[in-house]
PDB file of all heavy atoms in Angstrom:
ATOM      1  N   VAL A   1      27.864-115.396 -95.134  1.00  0.00           N
ATOM      2  CA  VAL A   1      27.614-115.186 -96.561  1.00  0.00           C
ATOM      3  C   VAL A   1      28.182-113.837 -96.975  1.00  0.00           C
ATOM      4  O   VAL A   1      27.821-112.797 -96.422  1.00  0.00           O
ATOM      5  CB  VAL A   1      26.113-115.244 -96.889  1.00  0.00           C
ATOM      6  CG1 VAL A   1      25.886-114.993 -98.377  1.00  0.00           C
ATOM      7  CG2 VAL A   1      25.526-116.586 -96.477  1.00  0.00           C
ATOM      8  N   VAL A   2      29.079-113.872 -97.951  1.00  0.00           N
ATOM      9  CA  VAL A   2      29.619-112.659 -98.560  1.00  0.00           C
ATOM     10  C   VAL A   2      28.958-112.524 -99.929  1.00  0.00           C
ATOM     11  O   VAL A   2      28.828-113.525-100.653  1.00  0.00           O
ATOM     12  CB  VAL A   2      31.153-112.746 -98.709  1.00  0.00           C
ATOM     13  CG1 VAL A   2      31.717-111.413 -99.199  1.00  0.00           C
ATOM     14  CG2 VAL A   2      31.797-113.169 -97.403  1.00  0.00           C
ATOM     15  N   THR A   3      28.542-111.330-100.289  1.00  0.00           N
ATOM     16  CA  THR A   3      27.843-111.188-101.565  1.00  0.00           C
ATOM     17  C   THR A   3      28.056-109.811-102.168  1.00  0.00           C
ATOM     18  O   THR A   3      28.264-108.824-101.455  1.00  0.00           O
ATOM     19  CB  THR A   3      26.331-111.457-101.400  1.00  0.00           C
ATOM     20  OG1 THR A   3      25.696-111.445-102.680  1.00  0.00           O
ATOM     21  CG2 THR A   3      25.673-110.425-100.495  1.00  0.00           C
ATOM     22  N   ASN A   4      28.022-109.763-103.487  1.00  0.00           N
ATOM     23  CA  ASN A   4      27.977-108.496-104.213  1.00  0.00           C
ATOM     24  C   ASN A   4      26.605-108.301-104.846  1.00  0.00           C
ATOM     25  O   ASN A   4      26.454-107.611-105.843  1.00  0.00           O
ATOM     26  CB  ASN A   4      29.071-108.431-105.286  1.00  0.00           C
ATOM     27  CG  ASN A   4      28.907-109.485-106.368  1.00  0.00           C
ATOM     28  OD1 ASN A   4      28.497-110.607-106.098  1.00  0.00           O
ATOM     29  ND2 ASN A   4      29.247-109.137-107.600  1.00  0.00           N
ATOM     30  N   ASN A   5      25.591-108.909-104.222  1.00  0.00           N
ATOM     31  CA  ASN A   5      24.216-108.873-104.711  1.00  0.00           C
ATOM     32  C   ASN A   5      23.321-108.347-103.592  1.00  0.00           C
ATOM     33  O   ASN A   5      23.086-109.040-102.604  1.00  0.00           O
ATOM     34  CB  ASN A   5      23.794-110.291-105.137  1.00  0.00           C
ATOM     35  CG  ASN A   5      22.415-110.336-105.770  1.00  0.00           C
ATOM     36  OD1 ASN A   5      21.571-109.486-105.513  1.00  0.00           O
ATOM     37  ND2 ASN A   5      22.183-111.341-106.590  1.00  0.00           N
ATOM     38  N   MET A   6      22.828-107.116-103.726  1.00  0.00           N
ATOM     39  CA  MET A   6      22.009-106.530-102.682  1.00  0.00           C
ATOM     40  C   MET A   6      20.727-107.314-102.438  1.00  0.00           C
ATOM     41  O   MET A   6      20.216-107.354-101.317  1.00  0.00           O
ATOM     42  CB  MET A   6      21.660-105.079-103.052  1.00  0.00           C
ATOM     43  CG  MET A   6      22.854-104.155-103.160  1.00  0.00           C
ATOM     44  SD  MET A   6      23.689-103.902-101.579  1.00  0.00           S
ATOM     45  CE  MET A   6      22.448-102.942-100.716  1.00  0.00           C
ATOM     46  N   ASN A   7      20.189-107.947-103.471  1.00  0.00           N
ATOM     47  CA  ASN A   7      18.972-108.741-103.310  1.00  0.00           C
ATOM     48  C   ASN A   7      19.233-109.971-102.448  1.00  0.00           C
ATOM     49  O   ASN A   7      18.384-110.367-101.645  1.00  0.00           O
ATOM     50  CB  ASN A   7      18.425-109.143-104.676  1.00  0.00           C
ATOM     51  CG  ASN A   7      18.087-107.949-105.537  1.00  0.00           C
ATOM     52  OD1 ASN A   7      17.413-107.032-105.097  1.00  0.00           O
ATOM     53  ND2 ASN A   7      18.590-107.941-106.766  1.00  0.00           N
ATOM     54  N   VAL A   8      20.402-110.597-102.611  1.00  0.00           N
ATOM     55  CA  VAL A   8      20.787-111.717-101.752  1.00  0.00           C
ATOM     56  C   VAL A   8      20.902-111.249-100.302  1.00  0.00           C
ATOM     57  O   VAL A   8      20.407-111.906 -99.373  1.00  0.00           O
ATOM     58  CB  VAL A   8      22.113-112.333-102.234  1.00  0.00           C
ATOM     59  CG1 VAL A   8      22.735-113.223-101.152  1.00  0.00           C
ATOM     60  CG2 VAL A   8      21.893-113.142-103.498  1.00  0.00           C
ATOM     61  N   ALA A   9      21.566-110.116-100.097  1.00  0.00           N
ATOM     62  CA  ALA A   9      21.729-109.594 -98.741  1.00  0.00           C
ATOM     63  C   ALA A   9      20.374-109.305 -98.097  1.00  0.00           C
ATOM     64  O   ALA A   9      20.143-109.649 -96.925  1.00  0.00           O
ATOM     65  CB  ALA A   9      22.578-108.328 -98.777  1.00  0.00           C
ATOM     66  N   ASN A  10      19.465-108.689 -98.849  1.00  0.00           N
ATOM     67  CA  ASN A  10      18.146-108.363 -98.304  1.00  0.00           C
ATOM     68  C   ASN A  10      17.338-109.608 -97.988  1.00  0.00           C
ATOM     69  O   ASN A  10      16.511-109.603 -97.068  1.00  0.00           O
ATOM     70  CB  ASN A  10      17.380-107.484 -99.294  1.00  0.00           C
ATOM     71  CG  ASN A  10      17.925-106.072 -99.353  1.00  0.00           C
ATOM     72  OD1 ASN A  10      18.478-105.575 -98.379  1.00  0.00           O
ATOM     73  ND2 ASN A  10      17.776-105.427-100.500  1.00  0.00           N
ATOM     74  N   THR A  11      17.561-110.690 -98.731  1.00  0.00           N
ATOM     75  CA  THR A  11      16.877-111.955 -98.449  1.00  0.00           C
ATOM     76  C   THR A  11      17.418-112.592 -97.182  1.00  0.00           C
ATOM     77  O   THR A  11      16.666-112.977 -96.274  1.00  0.00           O
ATOM     78  CB  THR A  11      17.033-112.930 -99.637  1.00  0.00           C
ATOM     79  OG1 THR A  11      16.375-112.392-100.774  1.00  0.00           O
ATOM     80  CG2 THR A  11      16.453-114.295 -99.310  1.00  0.00           C
ATOM     81  N   LEU A  12      18.734-112.712 -97.092  1.00  0.00           N
ATOM     82  CA  LEU A  12      19.343-113.464 -95.992  1.00  0.00           C
ATOM     83  C   LEU A  12      19.366-112.690 -94.685  1.00  0.00           C
ATOM     84  O   LEU A  12      19.646-113.282 -93.629  1.00  0.00           O
ATOM     85  CB  LEU A  12      20.754-113.893 -96.382  1.00  0.00           C
ATOM     86  CG  LEU A  12      20.793-115.023 -97.411  1.00  0.00           C
ATOM     87  CD1 LEU A  12      22.219-115.270 -97.888  1.00  0.00           C
ATOM     88  CD2 LEU A  12      20.210-116.302 -96.829  1.00  0.00           C
ATOM     89  N   ILE A  13      19.070-111.404 -94.720  1.00  0.00           N
ATOM     90  CA  ILE A  13      19.015-110.638 -93.477  1.00  0.00           C
ATOM     91  C   ILE A  13      17.914-111.173 -92.570  1.00  0.00           C
ATOM     92  O   ILE A  13      17.922-110.969 -91.342  1.00  0.00           O
ATOM     93  CB  ILE A  13      18.812-109.129 -93.775  1.00  0.00           C
ATOM     94  CG1 ILE A  13      19.307-108.282 -92.594  1.00  0.00           C
ATOM     95  CG2 ILE A  13      17.374-108.824 -94.108  1.00  0.00           C
ATOM     96  CD1 ILE A  13      20.803-108.285 -92.460  1.00  0.00           C
ATOM     97  N   ASP A  14      16.940-111.884 -93.151  1.00  0.00           N
ATOM     98  CA  ASP A  14      15.852-112.476 -92.360  1.00  0.00           C
ATOM     99  C   ASP A  14      16.292-113.727 -91.618  1.00  0.00           C
ATOM    100  O   ASP A  14      15.551-114.228 -90.765  1.00  0.00           O
ATOM    101  CB  ASP A  14      14.665-112.810 -93.266  1.00  0.00           C
ATOM    102  CG  ASP A  14      13.971-111.566 -93.803  1.00  0.00           C
ATOM    103  OD1 ASP A  14      14.025-110.526 -93.119  1.00  0.00           O
ATOM    104  OD2 ASP A  14      13.399-111.635 -94.899  1.00  0.00           O
ATOM    105  N   ASN A  15      17.461-114.270 -91.929  1.00  0.00           N
ATOM    106  CA  ASN A  15      18.004-115.428 -91.221  1.00  0.00           C
ATOM    107  C   ASN A  15      18.911-114.894 -90.107  1.00  0.00           C
ATOM    108  O   ASN A  15      20.044-114.484 -90.343  1.00  0.00           O
ATOM    109  CB  ASN A  15      18.790-116.318 -92.179  1.00  0.00           C
ATOM    110  CG  ASN A  15      19.315-117.590 -91.511  1.00  0.00           C
ATOM    111  OD1 ASN A  15      19.444-117.661 -90.294  1.00  0.00           O
ATOM    112  ND2 ASN A  15      19.636-118.577 -92.333  1.00  0.00           N
ATOM    113  N   GLU A  16      18.407-114.900 -88.872  1.00  0.00           N
ATOM    114  CA  GLU A  16      19.122-114.256 -87.779  1.00  0.00           C
ATOM    115  C   GLU A  16      20.425-114.954 -87.419  1.00  0.00           C
ATOM    116  O   GLU A  16      21.297-114.349 -86.775  1.00  0.00           O
ATOM    117  CB  GLU A  16      18.208-114.168 -86.548  1.00  0.00           C
ATOM    118  CG  GLU A  16      17.005-113.255 -86.758  1.00  0.00           C
ATOM    119  CD  GLU A  16      16.145-113.117 -85.522  1.00  0.00           C
ATOM    120  OE1 GLU A  16      16.490-113.757 -84.494  1.00  0.00           O
ATOM    121  OE2 GLU A  16      15.150-112.380 -85.573  1.00  0.00           O
ATOM    122  N   SER A  17      20.589-116.206 -87.818  1.00  0.00           N
ATOM    123  CA  SER A  17      21.838-116.909 -87.514  1.00  0.00           C
ATOM    124  C   SER A  17      22.850-116.785 -88.641  1.00  0.00           C
ATOM    125  O   SER A  17      23.925-117.381 -88.573  1.00  0.00           O
ATOM    126  CB  SER A  17      21.555-118.394 -87.240  1.00  0.00           C
ATOM    127  OG  SER A  17      21.304-119.091 -88.447  1.00  0.00           O
ATOM    128  N   CYS A  18      22.519-116.010 -89.648  1.00  0.00           N
ATOM    129  CA  CYS A  18      23.394-115.851 -90.815  1.00  0.00           C
ATOM    130  C   CYS A  18      24.090-114.493 -90.753  1.00  0.00           C
ATOM    131  O   CYS A  18      23.428-113.459 -90.623  1.00  0.00           O
ATOM    132  CB  CYS A  18      22.562-115.966 -92.097  1.00  0.00           C
ATOM    133  SG  CYS A  18      23.499-115.722 -93.611  1.00  0.00           S
ATOM    134  N   GLU A  19      25.419-114.511 -90.826  1.00  0.00           N
ATOM    135  CA  GLU A  19      26.172-113.268 -90.912  1.00  0.00           C
ATOM    136  C   GLU A  19      26.285-112.878 -92.381  1.00  0.00           C
ATOM    137  O   GLU A  19      26.779-113.656 -93.203  1.00  0.00           O
ATOM    138  CB  GLU A  19      27.564-113.422 -90.306  1.00  0.00           C
ATOM    139  CG  GLU A  19      28.377-112.138 -90.352  1.00  0.00           C
ATOM    140  CD  GLU A  19      29.751-112.286 -89.738  1.00  0.00           C
ATOM    141  OE1 GLU A  19      30.279-113.420 -89.734  1.00  0.00           O
ATOM    142  OE2 GLU A  19      30.305-111.279 -89.275  1.00  0.00           O
ATOM    143  N   VAL A  20      25.819-111.700 -92.743  1.00  0.00           N
ATOM    144  CA  VAL A  20      25.814-111.237 -94.129  1.00  0.00           C
ATOM    145  C   VAL A  20      26.832-110.113 -94.280  1.00  0.00           C
ATOM    146  O   VAL A  20      26.775-109.113 -93.564  1.00  0.00           O
ATOM    147  CB  VAL A  20      24.416-110.743 -94.550  1.00  0.00           C
ATOM    148  CG1 VAL A  20      24.422-110.291 -96.003  1.00  0.00           C
ATOM    149  CG2 VAL A  20      23.369-111.840 -94.345  1.00  0.00           C
ATOM    150  N   ILE A  21      27.750-110.276 -95.216  1.00  0.00           N
ATOM    151  CA  ILE A  21      28.786-109.287 -95.491  1.00  0.00           C
ATOM    152  C   ILE A  21      28.611-108.835 -96.928  1.00  0.00           C
ATOM    153  O   ILE A  21      28.640-109.647 -97.855  1.00  0.00           O
ATOM    154  CB  ILE A  21      30.190-109.886 -95.286  1.00  0.00           C
ATOM    155  CG1 ILE A  21      30.339-110.419 -93.850  1.00  0.00           C
ATOM    156  CG2 ILE A  21      31.262-108.845 -95.594  1.00  0.00           C
ATOM    157  CD1 ILE A  21      31.598-111.231 -93.636  1.00  0.00           C
ATOM    158  N   VAL A  22      28.421-107.535 -97.127  1.00  0.00           N
ATOM    159  CA  VAL A  22      28.159-106.988 -98.460  1.00  0.00           C
ATOM    160  C   VAL A  22      29.423-106.309 -98.981  1.00  0.00           C
ATOM    161  O   VAL A  22      30.034-105.486 -98.291  1.00  0.00           O
ATOM    162  CB  VAL A  22      26.991-105.985 -98.435  1.00  0.00           C
ATOM    163  CG1 VAL A  22      26.729-105.432 -99.834  1.00  0.00           C
ATOM    164  CG2 VAL A  22      25.736-106.652 -97.892  1.00  0.00           C
ATOM    165  N   ALA A  23      29.805-106.651-100.214  1.00  0.00           N
ATOM    166  CA  ALA A  23      30.985-106.064-100.839  1.00  0.00           C
ATOM    167  C   ALA A  23      30.760-104.592-101.136  1.00  0.00           C
ATOM    168  O   ALA A  23      29.631-104.136-101.324  1.00  0.00           O
ATOM    169  CB  ALA A  23      31.319-106.811-102.128  1.00  0.00           C
ATOM    170  N   GLY A  24      31.859-103.851-101.194  1.00  0.00           N
ATOM    171  CA  GLY A  24      31.788-102.485-101.670  1.00  0.00           C
ATOM    172  C   GLY A  24      31.810-102.457-103.185  1.00  0.00           C
ATOM    173  O   GLY A  24      31.951-103.486-103.843  1.00  0.00           O
ATOM    174  N   GLY A  25      31.681-101.273-103.758  1.00  0.00           N
ATOM    175  CA  GLY A  25      31.735-101.155-105.208  1.00  0.00           C
ATOM    176  C   GLY A  25      30.634-100.275-105.748  1.00  0.00           C
ATOM    177  O   GLY A  25      29.892 -99.643-105.002  1.00  0.00           O
ATOM    178  N   ILE A  26      30.520-100.263-107.051  1.00  0.00           N
ATOM    179  CA  ILE A  26      29.512 -99.474-107.744  1.00  0.00           C
ATOM    180  C   ILE A  26      28.215-100.264-107.806  1.00  0.00           C
ATOM    181  O   ILE A  26      28.190-101.402-108.288  1.00  0.00           O
ATOM    182  CB  ILE A  26      29.985 -99.131-109.163  1.00  0.00           C
ATOM    183  CG1 ILE A  26      31.286 -98.320-109.104  1.00  0.00           C
ATOM    184  CG2 ILE A  26      28.908 -98.371-109.933  1.00  0.00           C
ATOM    185  CD1 ILE A  26      31.962 -98.161-110.438  1.00  0.00           C
ATOM    186  N   VAL A  27      27.126 -99.690-107.325  1.00  0.00           N
ATOM    187  CA  VAL A  27      25.832-100.371-107.332  1.00  0.00           C
ATOM    188  C   VAL A  27      25.153-100.166-108.681  1.00  0.00           C
ATOM    189  O   VAL A  27      24.978 -99.030-109.132  1.00  0.00           O
ATOM    190  CB  VAL A  27      24.921 -99.846-106.210  1.00  0.00           C
ATOM    191  CG1 VAL A  27      23.571-100.574-106.241  1.00  0.00           C
ATOM    192  CG2 VAL A  27      25.574-100.023-104.861  1.00  0.00           C
TER     193      VAL A  27
END
């Protein structure tokens, strides 16, 4: 999962089989 949404990343971090990639940019 690639996302520019920190809330999505914080949710999916609990799925240990899911690789989470967070975009760079202005928060």
